[in-house]
Amino acid sequence: MKLKEKTNEYPRAQAHMANERTFLAWIRTTIAIMAFGFVVEKFGLFMMKFTEILTAAGGKREKVEGMEHYSSHTGIFLIAIGTVIAMLAFVKYMNTEKQINGEVYLRSIALDILMTIAIIIIAVLFTLHLIQSGI
């Protein structure tokens, strides 16, 4: 009897481990998004310093200032999106954990949709940034 009980637990253990791997993959993704947001925001700081150098050399100040401002907002937006996705990933992880324990699984694509929307928004923002900077 004990062997049969252990056999029934093995698929459940696999499901729990798969759920945890999925959660950790989402966390790695959010860390990457937030780190990228930090880099983009710091790029705005770099552009501000670069503006000072160009101004001292007689360059065009107004074009570079707009780039710095835009980078800062984009970086903060990326960090915020990463935070929201991390929170939703945890909620999804806990819901899946309960479903595995209850031997029921209901598919949810809310996090996938949010990630797709976030990537589209990020792509649009960076496209606008490149158009604005004249590159």
N, C-alpha and C. Protein backbone atom coordinates (compact mmCIF):
# COMPACT_ATOMS: atom_id res chain seq x y z
N MET A 1 0.81 -1.20 0.00
CA MET A 1 0.00 0.00 0.00
C MET A 1 0.86 1.26 0.00
N LYS A 2 1.96 1.23 0.71
CA LYS A 2 2.82 2.40 0.76
C LYS A 2 3.43 2.71 -0.61
N LEU A 3 3.76 1.69 -1.38
CA LEU A 3 4.36 1.90 -2.69
C LEU A 3 3.38 2.64 -3.61
N LYS A 4 2.11 2.26 -3.55
CA LYS A 4 1.11 2.91 -4.39
C LYS A 4 0.93 4.38 -4.02
N GLU A 5 0.93 4.67 -2.72
CA GLU A 5 0.81 6.06 -2.29
C GLU A 5 1.99 6.89 -2.78
N LYS A 6 3.19 6.36 -2.71
CA LYS A 6 4.38 7.07 -3.19
C LYS A 6 4.32 7.27 -4.70
N THR A 7 3.81 6.29 -5.41
CA THR A 7 3.69 6.40 -6.86
C THR A 7 2.73 7.52 -7.23
N ASN A 8 1.65 7.67 -6.47
CA ASN A 8 0.68 8.73 -6.75
C ASN A 8 1.24 10.11 -6.41
N GLU A 9 2.17 10.18 -5.48
CA GLU A 9 2.75 11.46 -5.08
C GLU A 9 3.80 11.95 -6.06
N TYR A 10 4.42 11.04 -6.81
CA TYR A 10 5.51 11.42 -7.70
C TYR A 10 5.07 12.43 -8.77
N PRO A 11 3.97 12.21 -9.48
CA PRO A 11 3.53 13.22 -10.46
C PRO A 11 3.22 14.57 -9.81
N ARG A 12 2.66 14.52 -8.60
CA ARG A 12 2.37 15.77 -7.91
C ARG A 12 3.66 16.51 -7.56
N ALA A 13 4.68 15.78 -7.13
CA ALA A 13 5.97 16.40 -6.83
C ALA A 13 6.57 17.01 -8.09
N GLN A 14 6.43 16.31 -9.21
CA GLN A 14 6.92 16.87 -10.48
C GLN A 14 6.18 18.15 -10.84
N ALA A 15 4.88 18.16 -10.60
CA ALA A 15 4.09 19.35 -10.90
C ALA A 15 4.52 20.52 -10.02
N HIS A 16 4.78 20.25 -8.75
CA HIS A 16 5.24 21.32 -7.85
C HIS A 16 6.60 21.87 -8.29
N MET A 17 7.49 20.96 -8.69
CA MET A 17 8.82 21.41 -9.14
C MET A 17 8.72 22.20 -10.45
N ALA A 18 7.84 21.77 -11.35
CA ALA A 18 7.65 22.51 -12.60
C ALA A 18 7.06 23.89 -12.32
N ASN A 19 6.14 23.96 -11.37
CA ASN A 19 5.55 25.24 -10.98
C ASN A 19 6.63 26.17 -10.43
N GLU A 20 7.50 25.61 -9.60
CA GLU A 20 8.58 26.43 -9.03
C GLU A 20 9.57 26.89 -10.11
N ARG A 21 9.90 26.01 -11.05
CA ARG A 21 10.80 26.41 -12.15
C ARG A 21 10.18 27.53 -12.98
N THR A 22 8.88 27.42 -13.23
CA THR A 22 8.19 28.46 -14.00
C THR A 22 8.22 29.79 -13.24
N PHE A 23 7.95 29.73 -11.94
CA PHE A 23 7.99 30.95 -11.13
C PHE A 23 9.39 31.57 -11.16
N LEU A 24 10.42 30.76 -11.01
CA LEU A 24 11.79 31.29 -11.04
C LEU A 24 12.15 31.87 -12.41
N ALA A 25 11.60 31.28 -13.47
CA ALA A 25 11.83 31.85 -14.81
C ALA A 25 11.18 33.23 -14.92
N TRP A 26 9.99 33.39 -14.37
CA TRP A 26 9.34 34.70 -14.37
C TRP A 26 10.15 35.70 -13.55
N ILE A 27 10.69 35.25 -12.42
CA ILE A 27 11.50 36.14 -11.58
C ILE A 27 12.77 36.56 -12.32
N ARG A 28 13.42 35.63 -13.01
CA ARG A 28 14.61 36.00 -13.80
C ARG A 28 14.24 37.01 -14.88
N THR A 29 13.09 36.82 -15.49
CA THR A 29 12.64 37.77 -16.52
C THR A 29 12.41 39.15 -15.93
N THR A 30 11.77 39.22 -14.77
CA THR A 30 11.52 40.53 -14.16
C THR A 30 12.81 41.19 -13.71
N ILE A 31 13.76 40.41 -13.23
CA ILE A 31 15.06 40.98 -12.86
C ILE A 31 15.74 41.57 -14.08
N ALA A 32 15.66 40.87 -15.20
CA ALA A 32 16.26 41.38 -16.44
C ALA A 32 15.57 42.67 -16.89
N ILE A 33 14.25 42.70 -16.83
CA ILE A 33 13.51 43.91 -17.23
C ILE A 33 13.87 45.08 -16.32
N MET A 34 13.92 44.83 -15.02
CA MET A 34 14.24 45.90 -14.08
C MET A 34 15.69 46.37 -14.25
N ALA A 35 16.60 45.45 -14.48
CA ALA A 35 18.00 45.83 -14.69
C ALA A 35 18.13 46.66 -15.97
N PHE A 36 17.40 46.25 -17.01
CA PHE A 36 17.42 47.02 -18.25
C PHE A 36 16.84 48.41 -18.02
N GLY A 37 15.79 48.50 -17.21
CA GLY A 37 15.21 49.81 -16.87
C GLY A 37 16.21 50.68 -16.13
N PHE A 38 16.97 50.07 -15.23
CA PHE A 38 18.00 50.80 -14.50
C PHE A 38 19.06 51.34 -15.46
N VAL A 39 19.48 50.50 -16.41
CA VAL A 39 20.48 50.93 -17.39
C VAL A 39 19.95 52.06 -18.25
N VAL A 40 18.71 51.94 -18.69
CA VAL A 40 18.11 52.99 -19.53
C VAL A 40 18.01 54.30 -18.74
N GLU A 41 17.60 54.20 -17.48
CA GLU A 41 17.48 55.41 -16.66
C GLU A 41 18.85 56.05 -16.44
N LYS A 42 19.86 55.25 -16.21
CA LYS A 42 21.21 55.78 -16.01
C LYS A 42 21.77 56.33 -17.32
N PHE A 43 21.28 55.81 -18.45
CA PHE A 43 21.69 56.36 -19.74
C PHE A 43 21.25 57.82 -19.83
N GLY A 44 20.09 58.12 -19.24
CA GLY A 44 19.64 59.52 -19.19
C GLY A 44 20.61 60.39 -18.43
N LEU A 45 21.17 59.87 -17.34
CA LEU A 45 22.19 60.61 -16.59
C LEU A 45 23.43 60.83 -17.44
N PHE A 46 23.82 59.78 -18.16
CA PHE A 46 24.97 59.89 -19.06
C PHE A 46 24.72 60.98 -20.10
N MET A 47 23.49 61.00 -20.64
CA MET A 47 23.17 62.00 -21.67
C MET A 47 23.17 63.41 -21.09
N MET A 48 22.81 63.54 -19.82
CA MET A 48 22.84 64.86 -19.19
C MET A 48 24.29 65.35 -19.10
N LYS A 49 25.19 64.48 -18.69
CA LYS A 49 26.61 64.85 -18.62
C LYS A 49 27.16 65.13 -20.02
N PHE A 50 26.72 64.32 -20.98
CA PHE A 50 27.15 64.51 -22.35
C PHE A 50 26.67 65.85 -22.88
N THR A 51 25.48 66.28 -22.46
CA THR A 51 24.94 67.58 -22.84
C THR A 51 25.83 68.71 -22.34
N GLU A 52 26.29 68.57 -21.11
CA GLU A 52 27.19 69.59 -20.55
C GLU A 52 28.47 69.69 -21.37
N ILE A 53 28.99 68.56 -21.79
CA ILE A 53 30.21 68.56 -22.60
C ILE A 53 29.95 69.20 -23.96
N LEU A 54 28.82 68.84 -24.58
CA LEU A 54 28.48 69.43 -25.89
C LEU A 54 28.23 70.93 -25.78
N THR A 55 27.58 71.35 -24.72
CA THR A 55 27.31 72.77 -24.52
C THR A 55 28.62 73.54 -24.37
N ALA A 56 29.53 72.96 -23.62
CA ALA A 56 30.83 73.61 -23.45
C ALA A 56 31.58 73.70 -24.77
N ALA A 57 31.36 72.71 -25.65
CA ALA A 57 32.03 72.70 -26.94
C ALA A 57 31.23 73.43 -28.01
N GLY A 58 30.04 73.93 -27.66
CA GLY A 58 29.22 74.67 -28.63
C GLY A 58 28.29 73.80 -29.43
N GLY A 59 27.92 72.63 -28.90
CA GLY A 59 27.03 71.70 -29.61
C GLY A 59 25.57 72.06 -29.45
N LYS A 60 24.69 71.16 -29.94
CA LYS A 60 23.24 71.37 -29.86
C LYS A 60 22.71 70.77 -28.56
N ARG A 61 22.28 71.62 -27.68
CA ARG A 61 21.82 71.19 -26.35
C ARG A 61 20.39 70.67 -26.36
N GLU A 62 19.48 71.28 -27.08
CA GLU A 62 18.07 70.95 -26.98
C GLU A 62 17.75 69.52 -27.40
N LYS A 63 18.43 68.98 -28.39
CA LYS A 63 18.15 67.62 -28.85
C LYS A 63 18.56 66.59 -27.81
N VAL A 64 19.67 66.77 -27.18
CA VAL A 64 20.18 65.83 -26.19
C VAL A 64 19.35 65.89 -24.91
N GLU A 65 18.88 67.07 -24.51
CA GLU A 65 18.06 67.19 -23.31
C GLU A 65 16.78 66.38 -23.44
N GLY A 66 16.15 66.40 -24.58
CA GLY A 66 14.94 65.62 -24.80
C GLY A 66 15.20 64.14 -24.67
N MET A 67 16.34 63.68 -25.13
CA MET A 67 16.70 62.27 -25.03
C MET A 67 16.88 61.86 -23.58
N GLU A 68 17.51 62.70 -22.81
CA GLU A 68 17.76 62.39 -21.39
C GLU A 68 16.45 62.27 -20.64
N HIS A 69 15.53 63.18 -20.88
CA HIS A 69 14.24 63.18 -20.21
C HIS A 69 13.45 61.91 -20.56
N TYR A 70 13.44 61.55 -21.81
CA TYR A 70 12.71 60.38 -22.30
C TYR A 70 13.31 59.10 -21.72
N SER A 71 14.61 59.01 -21.66
CA SER A 71 15.27 57.81 -21.12
C SER A 71 14.92 57.60 -19.65
N SER A 72 14.86 58.68 -18.91
CA SER A 72 14.54 58.58 -17.50
C SER A 72 13.14 58.00 -17.29
N HIS A 73 12.16 58.50 -18.02
CA HIS A 73 10.79 58.00 -17.90
C HIS A 73 10.68 56.55 -18.36
N THR A 74 11.36 56.22 -19.44
CA THR A 74 11.33 54.85 -19.94
C THR A 74 11.95 53.89 -18.94
N GLY A 75 13.06 54.27 -18.34
CA GLY A 75 13.72 53.42 -17.35
C GLY A 75 12.84 53.18 -16.14
N ILE A 76 12.21 54.22 -15.65
CA ILE A 76 11.31 54.09 -14.49
C ILE A 76 10.12 53.21 -14.86
N PHE A 77 9.60 53.36 -16.07
CA PHE A 77 8.49 52.54 -16.54
C PHE A 77 8.89 51.06 -16.57
N LEU A 78 10.08 50.77 -17.06
CA LEU A 78 10.56 49.38 -17.12
C LEU A 78 10.69 48.78 -15.71
N ILE A 79 11.19 49.55 -14.79
CA ILE A 79 11.31 49.07 -13.41
C ILE A 79 9.93 48.79 -12.82
N ALA A 80 8.98 49.68 -13.08
CA ALA A 80 7.62 49.48 -12.58
C ALA A 80 6.97 48.25 -13.20
N ILE A 81 7.13 48.07 -14.50
CA ILE A 81 6.57 46.89 -15.18
C ILE A 81 7.18 45.62 -14.60
N GLY A 82 8.49 45.61 -14.36
CA GLY A 82 9.14 44.45 -13.76
C GLY A 82 8.58 44.13 -12.39
N THR A 83 8.32 45.15 -11.60
CA THR A 83 7.75 44.95 -10.27
C THR A 83 6.36 44.36 -10.35
N VAL A 84 5.52 44.88 -11.23
CA VAL A 84 4.16 44.38 -11.38
C VAL A 84 4.17 42.92 -11.86
N ILE A 85 5.03 42.61 -12.82
CA ILE A 85 5.10 41.24 -13.33
C ILE A 85 5.58 40.29 -12.24
N ALA A 86 6.53 40.71 -11.41
CA ALA A 86 7.00 39.87 -10.31
C ALA A 86 5.87 39.57 -9.32
N MET A 87 5.08 40.58 -9.00
CA MET A 87 3.96 40.36 -8.08
C MET A 87 2.92 39.42 -8.69
N LEU A 88 2.60 39.62 -9.96
CA LEU A 88 1.63 38.74 -10.62
C LEU A 88 2.17 37.32 -10.76
N ALA A 89 3.47 37.18 -10.99
CA ALA A 89 4.07 35.85 -11.08
C ALA A 89 3.93 35.11 -9.74
N PHE A 90 4.11 35.83 -8.64
CA PHE A 90 3.94 35.20 -7.33
C PHE A 90 2.49 34.77 -7.11
N VAL A 91 1.54 35.62 -7.48
CA VAL A 91 0.13 35.27 -7.35
C VAL A 91 -0.19 34.04 -8.19
N LYS A 92 0.33 34.01 -9.42
CA LYS A 92 0.09 32.85 -10.29
C LYS A 92 0.73 31.60 -9.70
N TYR A 93 1.93 31.73 -9.15
CA TYR A 93 2.60 30.60 -8.51
C TYR A 93 1.76 30.04 -7.37
N MET A 94 1.26 30.89 -6.51
CA MET A 94 0.46 30.44 -5.37
C MET A 94 -0.86 29.81 -5.82
N ASN A 95 -1.50 30.39 -6.83
CA ASN A 95 -2.75 29.81 -7.34
C ASN A 95 -2.50 28.43 -7.94
N THR A 96 -1.42 28.29 -8.69
CA THR A 96 -1.09 27.00 -9.28
C THR A 96 -0.75 25.99 -8.20
N GLU A 97 -0.08 26.45 -7.15
CA GLU A 97 0.25 25.57 -6.01
C GLU A 97 -1.03 25.01 -5.38
N LYS A 98 -2.02 25.86 -5.16
CA LYS A 98 -3.29 25.41 -4.60
C LYS A 98 -4.00 24.45 -5.55
N GLN A 99 -3.94 24.74 -6.85
CA GLN A 99 -4.60 23.88 -7.82
C GLN A 99 -3.93 22.49 -7.88
N ILE A 100 -2.61 22.45 -7.79
CA ILE A 100 -1.91 21.17 -7.79
C ILE A 100 -2.31 20.35 -6.56
N ASN A 101 -2.35 21.01 -5.41
CA ASN A 101 -2.75 20.31 -4.18
C ASN A 101 -4.20 19.83 -4.25
N GLY A 102 -5.05 20.57 -4.93
CA GLY A 102 -6.45 20.18 -5.10
C GLY A 102 -6.68 19.28 -6.29
N GLU A 103 -5.61 18.91 -6.99
CA GLU A 103 -5.65 18.06 -8.18
C GLU A 103 -6.56 18.63 -9.27
N VAL A 104 -6.54 19.95 -9.39
CA VAL A 104 -7.30 20.65 -10.43
C VAL A 104 -6.37 21.69 -11.02
N TYR A 105 -6.44 21.88 -12.33
CA TYR A 105 -5.64 22.94 -12.94
C TYR A 105 -6.52 23.72 -13.89
N LEU A 106 -6.61 25.01 -13.65
CA LEU A 106 -7.34 25.92 -14.52
C LEU A 106 -6.34 26.86 -15.17
N ARG A 107 -6.30 26.83 -16.46
CA ARG A 107 -5.32 27.63 -17.22
C ARG A 107 -5.61 29.12 -17.07
N SER A 108 -4.54 29.90 -16.93
CA SER A 108 -4.66 31.36 -16.83
C SER A 108 -3.58 31.98 -17.71
N ILE A 109 -4.00 32.88 -18.58
CA ILE A 109 -3.03 33.52 -19.47
C ILE A 109 -2.86 35.01 -19.16
N ALA A 110 -3.36 35.45 -18.01
CA ALA A 110 -3.30 36.88 -17.67
C ALA A 110 -1.86 37.38 -17.63
N LEU A 111 -0.95 36.63 -17.02
CA LEU A 111 0.44 37.06 -16.93
C LEU A 111 1.09 37.09 -18.31
N ASP A 112 0.75 36.11 -19.15
CA ASP A 112 1.29 36.08 -20.51
C ASP A 112 0.82 37.29 -21.32
N ILE A 113 -0.45 37.64 -21.16
CA ILE A 113 -0.99 38.80 -21.87
C ILE A 113 -0.31 40.08 -21.38
N LEU A 114 -0.13 40.22 -20.05
CA LEU A 114 0.53 41.40 -19.50
C LEU A 114 1.96 41.51 -20.04
N MET A 115 2.67 40.39 -20.09
CA MET A 115 4.05 40.42 -20.59
C MET A 115 4.08 40.83 -22.06
N THR A 116 3.16 40.32 -22.85
CA THR A 116 3.10 40.68 -24.27
C THR A 116 2.81 42.17 -24.44
N ILE A 117 1.85 42.68 -23.68
CA ILE A 117 1.51 44.11 -23.74
C ILE A 117 2.72 44.95 -23.31
N ALA A 118 3.40 44.52 -22.25
CA ALA A 118 4.58 45.26 -21.77
C ALA A 118 5.66 45.31 -22.84
N ILE A 119 5.90 44.20 -23.51
CA ILE A 119 6.93 44.16 -24.55
C ILE A 119 6.54 45.07 -25.72
N ILE A 120 5.28 45.07 -26.08
CA ILE A 120 4.82 45.95 -27.17
C ILE A 120 5.01 47.41 -26.78
N ILE A 121 4.63 47.77 -25.56
CA ILE A 121 4.78 49.15 -25.10
C ILE A 121 6.26 49.54 -25.07
N ILE A 122 7.11 48.65 -24.58
CA ILE A 122 8.55 48.92 -24.53
C ILE A 122 9.10 49.12 -25.94
N ALA A 123 8.67 48.28 -26.87
CA ALA A 123 9.13 48.40 -28.26
C ALA A 123 8.70 49.73 -28.86
N VAL A 124 7.47 50.14 -28.60
CA VAL A 124 6.97 51.43 -29.11
C VAL A 124 7.75 52.58 -28.50
N LEU A 125 7.99 52.52 -27.19
CA LEU A 125 8.74 53.60 -26.52
C LEU A 125 10.16 53.72 -27.08
N PHE A 126 10.83 52.60 -27.28
CA PHE A 126 12.18 52.66 -27.81
C PHE A 126 12.19 53.11 -29.27
N THR A 127 11.18 52.72 -30.02
CA THR A 127 11.09 53.19 -31.40
C THR A 127 10.91 54.71 -31.43
N LEU A 128 10.01 55.22 -30.59
CA LEU A 128 9.82 56.67 -30.50
C LEU A 128 11.10 57.37 -30.04
N HIS A 129 11.79 56.74 -29.12
CA HIS A 129 13.05 57.31 -28.62
C HIS A 129 14.07 57.41 -29.76
N LEU A 130 14.18 56.37 -30.56
CA LEU A 130 15.13 56.40 -31.69
C LEU A 130 14.72 57.42 -32.74
N ILE A 131 13.42 57.53 -32.99
CA ILE A 131 12.94 58.53 -33.97
C ILE A 131 13.23 59.94 -33.45
N GLN A 132 12.96 60.16 -32.16
CA GLN A 132 13.17 61.48 -31.57
C GLN A 132 14.65 61.85 -31.58
N SER A 133 15.51 60.89 -31.33
CA SER A 133 16.94 61.19 -31.25
C SER A 133 17.56 61.37 -32.64
N GLY A 134 16.83 60.97 -33.68
CA GLY A 134 17.32 61.18 -35.04
C GLY A 134 18.35 60.15 -35.47
N ILE A 135 18.38 59.01 -34.80
CA ILE A 135 19.35 57.98 -35.17
C ILE A 135 18.81 57.16 -36.30
